[in-house]
Amino acid sequence: MSAFKDPSQSSNPYREPTPLPESVPKVEELGTTSAPLKSAAFFIGAYCKEYNEDFMLCKSENRDPGHCLKEGRRVTRCAQDLITKMRENCLAEFDKHWNCLEMNNQAYNKCRKVERPLNKCMFEKLGLLKTIPGSPEGQKPIHEVTNPIFTGVQK
C-alpha cells in the first residue's frame, strides 16, 4: 500500500533526469496560459518574425527535436520580451482582451470590441500593427470591421 507524499516535504530535492546539455542556453518558460498567448499571437508573430523564421528554417532542415533547441530558445526569449512590454505599456487593454478570450472559448470574433483598444495601444506605444497572414488584398481586415455581418448575438 502506498501513501501520498507531498513533494514539498521531500528531503531530496528534485533533479532533472535528462538535463539539457550546457551548449543549450537556459531560458525560463513564458508563464502564461493559452488566452494571453492567443491575445498576443499576432503581435508575437510581427515582433519575433526573424527568430520564428530561423526556427522554422531549422525545423525544415532537420526533424530531430534537439537540433533546433537554440533557435527555439531565442523565440521563447523574444516572446517573453514582448509580453513583458505589453504588460508594461498596455496592461489594462491586454488583460481585458485575454479575459474576454478566456470567457468566450478563445473566439476572436466575440472579443473584437475589446481588441480594438489593444491594437491601438500596441500601435501607439510599441509600433506594432496587427496583420493577419493570408488576408485578401484590398479588403478591410476582419478585425477592423466595425459592423460585421455576423455578430456574437443573432437577432
N, C-alpha and C. Protein backbone atom coordinates (compact mmCIF):
# COMPACT_ATOMS: atom_id res chain seq x y z
N MET A 1 0.84 -1.17 0.00
CA MET A 1 0.00 0.00 0.00
C MET A 1 0.89 1.24 0.00
N SER A 2 0.57 2.18 -0.88
CA SER A 2 1.38 3.40 -0.95
C SER A 2 0.60 4.56 -0.35
N ALA A 3 1.33 5.50 0.14
CA ALA A 3 0.72 6.69 0.72
C ALA A 3 1.20 7.91 -0.06
N PHE A 4 0.35 8.95 -0.07
CA PHE A 4 0.70 10.18 -0.76
C PHE A 4 1.81 10.89 -0.01
N LYS A 5 2.82 11.33 -0.74
CA LYS A 5 3.91 12.10 -0.14
C LYS A 5 3.97 13.44 -0.84
N ASP A 6 3.83 14.48 -0.05
CA ASP A 6 3.88 15.83 -0.60
C ASP A 6 5.30 16.13 -1.08
N PRO A 7 5.48 16.50 -2.37
CA PRO A 7 6.83 16.74 -2.89
C PRO A 7 7.55 17.89 -2.18
N SER A 8 6.80 18.86 -1.67
CA SER A 8 7.45 19.98 -0.99
C SER A 8 8.04 19.56 0.35
N GLN A 9 7.60 18.42 0.89
CA GLN A 9 8.10 17.92 2.16
C GLN A 9 9.24 16.92 1.98
N SER A 10 9.65 16.69 0.75
CA SER A 10 10.69 15.70 0.47
C SER A 10 12.04 16.18 0.98
N SER A 11 12.83 15.26 1.47
CA SER A 11 14.17 15.61 1.93
C SER A 11 15.16 15.65 0.77
N ASN A 12 14.79 15.05 -0.37
CA ASN A 12 15.65 15.05 -1.55
C ASN A 12 15.12 16.06 -2.56
N PRO A 13 15.95 17.03 -2.96
CA PRO A 13 15.48 17.98 -3.97
C PRO A 13 15.28 17.31 -5.32
N TYR A 14 14.39 17.86 -6.12
CA TYR A 14 14.12 17.30 -7.44
C TYR A 14 15.32 17.50 -8.35
N ARG A 15 15.67 16.46 -9.05
CA ARG A 15 16.75 16.52 -10.02
C ARG A 15 16.18 16.11 -11.38
N GLU A 16 16.46 16.93 -12.36
CA GLU A 16 16.00 16.65 -13.72
C GLU A 16 16.69 15.38 -14.22
N PRO A 17 15.92 14.35 -14.61
CA PRO A 17 16.55 13.10 -15.05
C PRO A 17 17.29 13.21 -16.38
N THR A 18 16.85 14.12 -17.23
CA THR A 18 17.51 14.29 -18.53
C THR A 18 17.79 15.78 -18.75
N PRO A 19 18.80 16.33 -18.09
CA PRO A 19 19.08 17.76 -18.25
C PRO A 19 19.56 18.09 -19.66
N LEU A 20 19.32 19.33 -20.05
CA LEU A 20 19.79 19.79 -21.35
C LEU A 20 21.30 19.95 -21.33
N PRO A 21 21.95 19.78 -22.46
CA PRO A 21 23.41 19.98 -22.49
C PRO A 21 23.76 21.44 -22.22
N GLU A 22 24.97 21.69 -21.80
CA GLU A 22 25.42 23.04 -21.48
C GLU A 22 25.43 23.95 -22.71
N SER A 23 25.49 23.37 -23.89
CA SER A 23 25.53 24.17 -25.11
C SER A 23 24.18 24.83 -25.41
N VAL A 24 23.11 24.36 -24.75
CA VAL A 24 21.78 24.94 -24.97
C VAL A 24 21.56 26.04 -23.93
N PRO A 25 21.32 27.27 -24.38
CA PRO A 25 21.13 28.36 -23.42
C PRO A 25 19.88 28.15 -22.55
N LYS A 26 19.99 28.54 -21.30
CA LYS A 26 18.87 28.39 -20.37
C LYS A 26 17.87 29.51 -20.63
N VAL A 27 16.59 29.19 -20.51
CA VAL A 27 15.54 30.19 -20.67
C VAL A 27 14.34 29.75 -19.84
N GLU A 28 13.70 30.69 -19.19
CA GLU A 28 12.51 30.41 -18.40
C GLU A 28 11.30 30.26 -19.32
N GLU A 29 10.30 29.56 -18.85
CA GLU A 29 9.06 29.44 -19.61
C GLU A 29 8.34 30.79 -19.61
N LEU A 30 7.38 30.95 -20.53
CA LEU A 30 6.65 32.22 -20.62
C LEU A 30 5.81 32.50 -19.39
N GLY A 31 5.25 31.47 -18.80
CA GLY A 31 4.46 31.67 -17.59
C GLY A 31 3.08 32.24 -17.87
N THR A 32 2.54 32.00 -19.05
CA THR A 32 1.19 32.45 -19.37
C THR A 32 0.37 31.26 -19.86
N THR A 33 -0.94 31.43 -19.76
CA THR A 33 -1.85 30.39 -20.24
C THR A 33 -2.17 30.63 -21.71
N SER A 34 -3.07 29.85 -22.26
CA SER A 34 -3.36 29.94 -23.69
C SER A 34 -4.04 31.26 -24.07
N ALA A 35 -4.90 31.81 -23.21
CA ALA A 35 -5.61 33.04 -23.58
C ALA A 35 -4.67 34.23 -23.76
N PRO A 36 -3.75 34.53 -22.84
CA PRO A 36 -2.81 35.62 -23.11
C PRO A 36 -1.93 35.36 -24.33
N LEU A 37 -1.54 34.11 -24.56
CA LEU A 37 -0.74 33.81 -25.74
C LEU A 37 -1.53 34.04 -27.02
N LYS A 38 -2.80 33.66 -27.01
CA LYS A 38 -3.63 33.87 -28.19
C LYS A 38 -3.87 35.36 -28.41
N SER A 39 -4.05 36.10 -27.32
CA SER A 39 -4.24 37.55 -27.42
C SER A 39 -3.01 38.22 -28.03
N ALA A 40 -1.84 37.74 -27.68
CA ALA A 40 -0.59 38.34 -28.16
C ALA A 40 -0.06 37.69 -29.43
N ALA A 41 -0.73 36.68 -29.94
CA ALA A 41 -0.18 35.85 -31.03
C ALA A 41 0.24 36.66 -32.26
N PHE A 42 -0.62 37.54 -32.76
CA PHE A 42 -0.30 38.27 -33.98
C PHE A 42 0.84 39.26 -33.73
N PHE A 43 0.90 39.81 -32.52
CA PHE A 43 1.99 40.73 -32.19
C PHE A 43 3.31 39.97 -32.02
N ILE A 44 3.24 38.77 -31.43
CA ILE A 44 4.44 37.94 -31.33
C ILE A 44 4.94 37.58 -32.73
N GLY A 45 4.01 37.28 -33.62
CA GLY A 45 4.38 36.97 -35.00
C GLY A 45 5.11 38.12 -35.68
N ALA A 46 4.66 39.35 -35.43
CA ALA A 46 5.30 40.51 -36.04
C ALA A 46 6.61 40.86 -35.34
N TYR A 47 6.60 40.84 -34.02
CA TYR A 47 7.76 41.26 -33.23
C TYR A 47 8.91 40.26 -33.33
N CYS A 48 8.60 38.98 -33.38
CA CYS A 48 9.62 37.91 -33.37
C CYS A 48 9.76 37.24 -34.73
N LYS A 49 9.42 37.94 -35.79
CA LYS A 49 9.39 37.33 -37.12
C LYS A 49 10.72 36.69 -37.52
N GLU A 50 11.83 37.39 -37.31
CA GLU A 50 13.12 36.86 -37.73
C GLU A 50 13.47 35.58 -36.96
N TYR A 51 13.21 35.58 -35.65
CA TYR A 51 13.50 34.39 -34.83
C TYR A 51 12.61 33.22 -35.23
N ASN A 52 11.32 33.52 -35.49
CA ASN A 52 10.40 32.47 -35.92
C ASN A 52 10.83 31.86 -37.25
N GLU A 53 11.25 32.72 -38.17
CA GLU A 53 11.68 32.22 -39.49
C GLU A 53 12.93 31.36 -39.37
N ASP A 54 13.89 31.79 -38.51
CA ASP A 54 15.08 30.97 -38.29
C ASP A 54 14.71 29.61 -37.71
N PHE A 55 13.80 29.60 -36.75
CA PHE A 55 13.37 28.35 -36.13
C PHE A 55 12.70 27.43 -37.14
N MET A 56 11.79 27.98 -37.96
CA MET A 56 11.10 27.15 -38.95
C MET A 56 12.06 26.64 -40.02
N LEU A 57 13.03 27.46 -40.40
CA LEU A 57 14.05 27.01 -41.36
C LEU A 57 14.86 25.86 -40.77
N CYS A 58 15.23 25.99 -39.51
CA CYS A 58 15.97 24.92 -38.83
C CYS A 58 15.14 23.65 -38.77
N LYS A 59 13.85 23.76 -38.44
CA LYS A 59 12.98 22.59 -38.36
C LYS A 59 12.82 21.92 -39.73
N SER A 60 12.83 22.71 -40.80
CA SER A 60 12.70 22.11 -42.12
C SER A 60 14.00 21.41 -42.55
N GLU A 61 15.13 21.85 -42.00
CA GLU A 61 16.41 21.22 -42.33
C GLU A 61 16.58 19.87 -41.66
N ASN A 62 16.11 19.76 -40.41
CA ASN A 62 16.34 18.55 -39.64
C ASN A 62 15.15 18.29 -38.73
N ARG A 63 14.59 17.10 -38.77
CA ARG A 63 13.41 16.77 -37.97
C ARG A 63 13.76 16.37 -36.54
N ASP A 64 15.04 16.31 -36.21
CA ASP A 64 15.46 15.95 -34.86
C ASP A 64 15.07 17.07 -33.90
N PRO A 65 14.29 16.78 -32.83
CA PRO A 65 13.85 17.83 -31.90
C PRO A 65 15.01 18.56 -31.22
N GLY A 66 16.12 17.88 -31.00
CA GLY A 66 17.26 18.51 -30.33
C GLY A 66 18.06 19.43 -31.22
N HIS A 67 17.85 19.34 -32.51
CA HIS A 67 18.65 20.11 -33.47
C HIS A 67 18.38 21.62 -33.36
N CYS A 68 17.15 22.01 -33.04
CA CYS A 68 16.76 23.42 -33.09
C CYS A 68 16.48 24.02 -31.71
N LEU A 69 17.07 23.47 -30.67
CA LEU A 69 16.80 23.99 -29.33
C LEU A 69 17.25 25.44 -29.16
N LYS A 70 18.40 25.79 -29.72
CA LYS A 70 18.89 27.17 -29.59
C LYS A 70 17.94 28.16 -30.26
N GLU A 71 17.48 27.82 -31.45
CA GLU A 71 16.55 28.70 -32.16
C GLU A 71 15.23 28.80 -31.42
N GLY A 72 14.77 27.69 -30.86
CA GLY A 72 13.53 27.70 -30.08
C GLY A 72 13.65 28.55 -28.84
N ARG A 73 14.81 28.52 -28.21
CA ARG A 73 15.03 29.35 -27.02
C ARG A 73 15.02 30.83 -27.39
N ARG A 74 15.54 31.15 -28.55
CA ARG A 74 15.52 32.56 -28.99
C ARG A 74 14.08 33.04 -29.21
N VAL A 75 13.25 32.18 -29.79
CA VAL A 75 11.84 32.53 -29.98
C VAL A 75 11.16 32.75 -28.63
N THR A 76 11.45 31.87 -27.67
CA THR A 76 10.84 32.00 -26.35
C THR A 76 11.29 33.29 -25.67
N ARG A 77 12.56 33.62 -25.76
CA ARG A 77 13.05 34.87 -25.16
C ARG A 77 12.40 36.09 -25.80
N CYS A 78 12.24 36.05 -27.10
CA CYS A 78 11.61 37.16 -27.81
C CYS A 78 10.16 37.31 -27.36
N ALA A 79 9.44 36.21 -27.26
CA ALA A 79 8.04 36.26 -26.80
C ALA A 79 7.96 36.77 -25.37
N GLN A 80 8.90 36.36 -24.52
CA GLN A 80 8.94 36.86 -23.14
C GLN A 80 9.13 38.37 -23.14
N ASP A 81 10.04 38.84 -23.96
CA ASP A 81 10.31 40.27 -24.05
C ASP A 81 9.06 41.04 -24.47
N LEU A 82 8.36 40.54 -25.48
CA LEU A 82 7.16 41.23 -25.95
C LEU A 82 6.06 41.22 -24.89
N ILE A 83 5.81 40.09 -24.26
CA ILE A 83 4.75 40.02 -23.26
C ILE A 83 5.07 40.95 -22.09
N THR A 84 6.34 41.05 -21.71
CA THR A 84 6.75 42.00 -20.67
C THR A 84 6.44 43.43 -21.11
N LYS A 85 6.77 43.76 -22.36
CA LYS A 85 6.49 45.11 -22.87
C LYS A 85 4.99 45.37 -22.95
N MET A 86 4.20 44.35 -23.33
CA MET A 86 2.75 44.51 -23.38
C MET A 86 2.20 44.81 -22.00
N ARG A 87 2.71 44.10 -20.99
CA ARG A 87 2.24 44.32 -19.62
C ARG A 87 2.65 45.70 -19.11
N GLU A 88 3.82 46.18 -19.51
CA GLU A 88 4.29 47.49 -19.06
C GLU A 88 3.53 48.62 -19.72
N ASN A 89 3.17 48.46 -21.00
CA ASN A 89 2.59 49.57 -21.77
C ASN A 89 1.09 49.49 -21.96
N CYS A 90 0.53 48.32 -22.06
CA CYS A 90 -0.89 48.16 -22.41
C CYS A 90 -1.58 47.15 -21.49
N LEU A 91 -1.27 47.18 -20.20
CA LEU A 91 -1.76 46.15 -19.29
C LEU A 91 -3.28 46.06 -19.25
N ALA A 92 -3.97 47.18 -19.10
CA ALA A 92 -5.44 47.15 -18.97
C ALA A 92 -6.08 46.58 -20.23
N GLU A 93 -5.64 47.03 -21.40
CA GLU A 93 -6.21 46.55 -22.66
C GLU A 93 -5.89 45.08 -22.89
N PHE A 94 -4.65 44.69 -22.57
CA PHE A 94 -4.22 43.29 -22.72
C PHE A 94 -5.05 42.38 -21.81
N ASP A 95 -5.20 42.79 -20.55
CA ASP A 95 -5.99 41.98 -19.60
C ASP A 95 -7.44 41.84 -20.05
N LYS A 96 -8.03 42.94 -20.51
CA LYS A 96 -9.43 42.87 -20.97
C LYS A 96 -9.57 41.91 -22.15
N HIS A 97 -8.63 41.99 -23.08
CA HIS A 97 -8.73 41.15 -24.28
C HIS A 97 -8.54 39.68 -23.95
N TRP A 98 -7.51 39.35 -23.20
CA TRP A 98 -7.31 37.91 -22.94
C TRP A 98 -8.37 37.36 -22.01
N ASN A 99 -8.90 38.17 -21.09
CA ASN A 99 -10.01 37.70 -20.25
C ASN A 99 -11.26 37.45 -21.10
N CYS A 100 -11.49 38.30 -22.09
CA CYS A 100 -12.62 38.08 -23.00
C CYS A 100 -12.43 36.77 -23.76
N LEU A 101 -11.22 36.54 -24.26
CA LEU A 101 -10.96 35.27 -24.96
C LEU A 101 -11.17 34.08 -24.02
N GLU A 102 -10.74 34.22 -22.80
CA GLU A 102 -10.90 33.14 -21.81
C GLU A 102 -12.37 32.83 -21.56
N MET A 103 -13.19 33.87 -21.50
CA MET A 103 -14.61 33.68 -21.20
C MET A 103 -15.44 33.30 -22.42
N ASN A 104 -14.88 33.44 -23.62
CA ASN A 104 -15.63 33.16 -24.84
C ASN A 104 -15.00 32.04 -25.66
N ASN A 105 -14.45 31.05 -24.99
CA ASN A 105 -13.95 29.85 -25.65
C ASN A 105 -12.90 30.18 -26.71
N GLN A 106 -12.06 31.19 -26.43
CA GLN A 106 -10.94 31.58 -27.29
C GLN A 106 -11.37 32.06 -28.67
N ALA A 107 -12.59 32.58 -28.79
CA ALA A 107 -13.10 33.03 -30.10
C ALA A 107 -12.80 34.52 -30.29
N TYR A 108 -11.99 34.82 -31.31
CA TYR A 108 -11.64 36.22 -31.60
C TYR A 108 -12.89 37.06 -31.94
N ASN A 109 -13.82 36.48 -32.70
CA ASN A 109 -14.95 37.27 -33.19
C ASN A 109 -15.82 37.80 -32.06
N LYS A 110 -15.80 37.19 -30.91
CA LYS A 110 -16.62 37.67 -29.80
C LYS A 110 -15.90 38.72 -28.97
N CYS A 111 -14.66 39.01 -29.29
CA CYS A 111 -13.85 39.94 -28.50
C CYS A 111 -13.33 41.11 -29.33
N ARG A 112 -13.97 41.41 -30.45
CA ARG A 112 -13.49 42.49 -31.31
C ARG A 112 -13.55 43.86 -30.63
N LYS A 113 -14.59 44.11 -29.83
CA LYS A 113 -14.73 45.42 -29.18
C LYS A 113 -13.58 45.70 -28.22
N VAL A 114 -13.15 44.70 -27.46
CA VAL A 114 -12.04 44.92 -26.53
C VAL A 114 -10.69 44.74 -27.23
N GLU A 115 -10.71 44.18 -28.42
CA GLU A 115 -9.46 44.01 -29.18
C GLU A 115 -9.01 45.33 -29.80
N ARG A 116 -9.94 46.15 -30.23
CA ARG A 116 -9.58 47.41 -30.90
C ARG A 116 -8.73 48.32 -30.01
N PRO A 117 -9.09 48.53 -28.73
CA PRO A 117 -8.21 49.36 -27.89
C PRO A 117 -6.81 48.74 -27.70
N LEU A 118 -6.72 47.42 -27.64
CA LEU A 118 -5.42 46.76 -27.52
C LEU A 118 -4.60 47.01 -28.78
N ASN A 119 -5.21 46.84 -29.95
CA ASN A 119 -4.50 47.08 -31.21
C ASN A 119 -4.01 48.52 -31.29
N LYS A 120 -4.86 49.46 -30.87
CA LYS A 120 -4.50 50.88 -30.90
C LYS A 120 -3.34 51.16 -29.95
N CYS A 121 -3.40 50.62 -28.74
CA CYS A 121 -2.34 50.81 -27.76
C CYS A 121 -1.03 50.21 -28.25
N MET A 122 -1.08 49.03 -28.80
CA MET A 122 0.13 48.37 -29.28
C MET A 122 0.78 49.16 -30.42
N PHE A 123 -0.05 49.76 -31.27
CA PHE A 123 0.50 50.56 -32.36
C PHE A 123 1.09 51.86 -31.84
N GLU A 124 0.36 52.53 -30.95
CA GLU A 124 0.82 53.83 -30.45
C GLU A 124 2.07 53.72 -29.57
N LYS A 125 2.12 52.70 -28.72
CA LYS A 125 3.21 52.61 -27.75
C LYS A 125 4.37 51.72 -28.18
N LEU A 126 4.10 50.70 -28.98
CA LEU A 126 5.17 49.79 -29.39
C LEU A 126 5.40 49.76 -30.89
N GLY A 127 4.53 50.43 -31.65
CA GLY A 127 4.69 50.48 -33.10
C GLY A 127 4.35 49.17 -33.81
N LEU A 128 3.60 48.30 -33.14
CA LEU A 128 3.24 47.01 -33.75
C LEU A 128 1.81 47.06 -34.29
N LEU A 129 1.66 46.65 -35.52
CA LEU A 129 0.37 46.64 -36.19
C LEU A 129 -0.08 45.20 -36.38
N LYS A 130 -1.33 44.91 -36.05
CA LYS A 130 -1.84 43.56 -36.22
C LYS A 130 -2.15 43.32 -37.69
N THR A 131 -1.51 42.32 -38.25
CA THR A 131 -1.80 41.90 -39.62
C THR A 131 -2.08 40.41 -39.60
N ILE A 132 -3.11 40.01 -40.33
CA ILE A 132 -3.48 38.60 -40.39
C ILE A 132 -2.92 38.03 -41.69
N PRO A 133 -2.03 37.05 -41.60
CA PRO A 133 -1.46 36.46 -42.82
C PRO A 133 -2.55 35.83 -43.69
N GLY A 134 -2.45 36.05 -44.97
CA GLY A 134 -3.41 35.46 -45.90
C GLY A 134 -4.69 36.25 -46.06
N SER A 135 -4.76 37.46 -45.48
CA SER A 135 -5.95 38.29 -45.66
C SER A 135 -6.04 38.75 -47.11
N PRO A 136 -7.25 38.86 -47.65
CA PRO A 136 -7.40 39.31 -49.04
C PRO A 136 -6.88 40.75 -49.21
N GLU A 137 -6.14 40.96 -50.28
CA GLU A 137 -5.61 42.29 -50.59
C GLU A 137 -6.75 43.22 -50.98
N GLY A 138 -6.66 44.47 -50.55
CA GLY A 138 -7.65 45.47 -50.93
C GLY A 138 -8.92 45.46 -50.09
N GLN A 139 -9.08 44.51 -49.19
CA GLN A 139 -10.25 44.47 -48.31
C GLN A 139 -9.85 44.88 -46.91
N LYS A 140 -10.81 45.45 -46.20
CA LYS A 140 -10.57 45.84 -44.82
C LYS A 140 -10.41 44.57 -43.98
N PRO A 141 -9.33 44.48 -43.17
CA PRO A 141 -9.14 43.28 -42.34
C PRO A 141 -10.32 43.07 -41.39
N ILE A 142 -10.64 41.84 -41.11
CA ILE A 142 -11.82 41.49 -40.32
C ILE A 142 -11.79 42.12 -38.93
N HIS A 143 -10.63 42.28 -38.34
CA HIS A 143 -10.56 42.84 -37.01
C HIS A 143 -10.77 44.36 -37.00
N GLU A 144 -10.81 44.98 -38.18
CA GLU A 144 -11.07 46.42 -38.26
C GLU A 144 -12.49 46.74 -38.72
N VAL A 145 -13.27 45.74 -39.07
CA VAL A 145 -14.66 45.96 -39.50
C VAL A 145 -15.49 46.32 -38.27
N THR A 146 -16.16 47.47 -38.32
CA THR A 146 -16.92 47.92 -37.15
C THR A 146 -18.30 47.30 -37.06
N ASN A 147 -18.94 47.03 -38.19
CA ASN A 147 -20.27 46.43 -38.19
C ASN A 147 -20.26 45.15 -39.03
N PRO A 148 -19.75 44.05 -38.47
CA PRO A 148 -19.69 42.82 -39.26
C PRO A 148 -21.08 42.24 -39.50
N ILE A 149 -21.19 41.48 -40.57
CA ILE A 149 -22.47 40.84 -40.90
C ILE A 149 -22.85 39.84 -39.82
N PHE A 150 -21.87 39.03 -39.42
CA PHE A 150 -22.12 38.04 -38.38
C PHE A 150 -21.62 38.59 -37.06
N THR A 151 -22.48 38.64 -36.07
CA THR A 151 -22.10 39.15 -34.76
C THR A 151 -22.24 38.04 -33.73
N GLY A 152 -21.85 38.33 -32.51
CA GLY A 152 -21.93 37.35 -31.44
C GLY A 152 -23.36 36.98 -31.09
N VAL A 153 -24.29 37.93 -31.27
CA VAL A 153 -25.69 37.67 -30.93
C VAL A 153 -26.52 37.85 -32.20
N GLN A 154 -27.20 36.80 -32.61
CA GLN A 154 -28.05 36.87 -33.79
C GLN A 154 -29.43 37.37 -33.39
N LYS A 155 -30.03 38.24 -34.21
CA LYS A 155 -31.35 38.79 -33.90
C LYS A 155 -32.45 38.00 -34.53
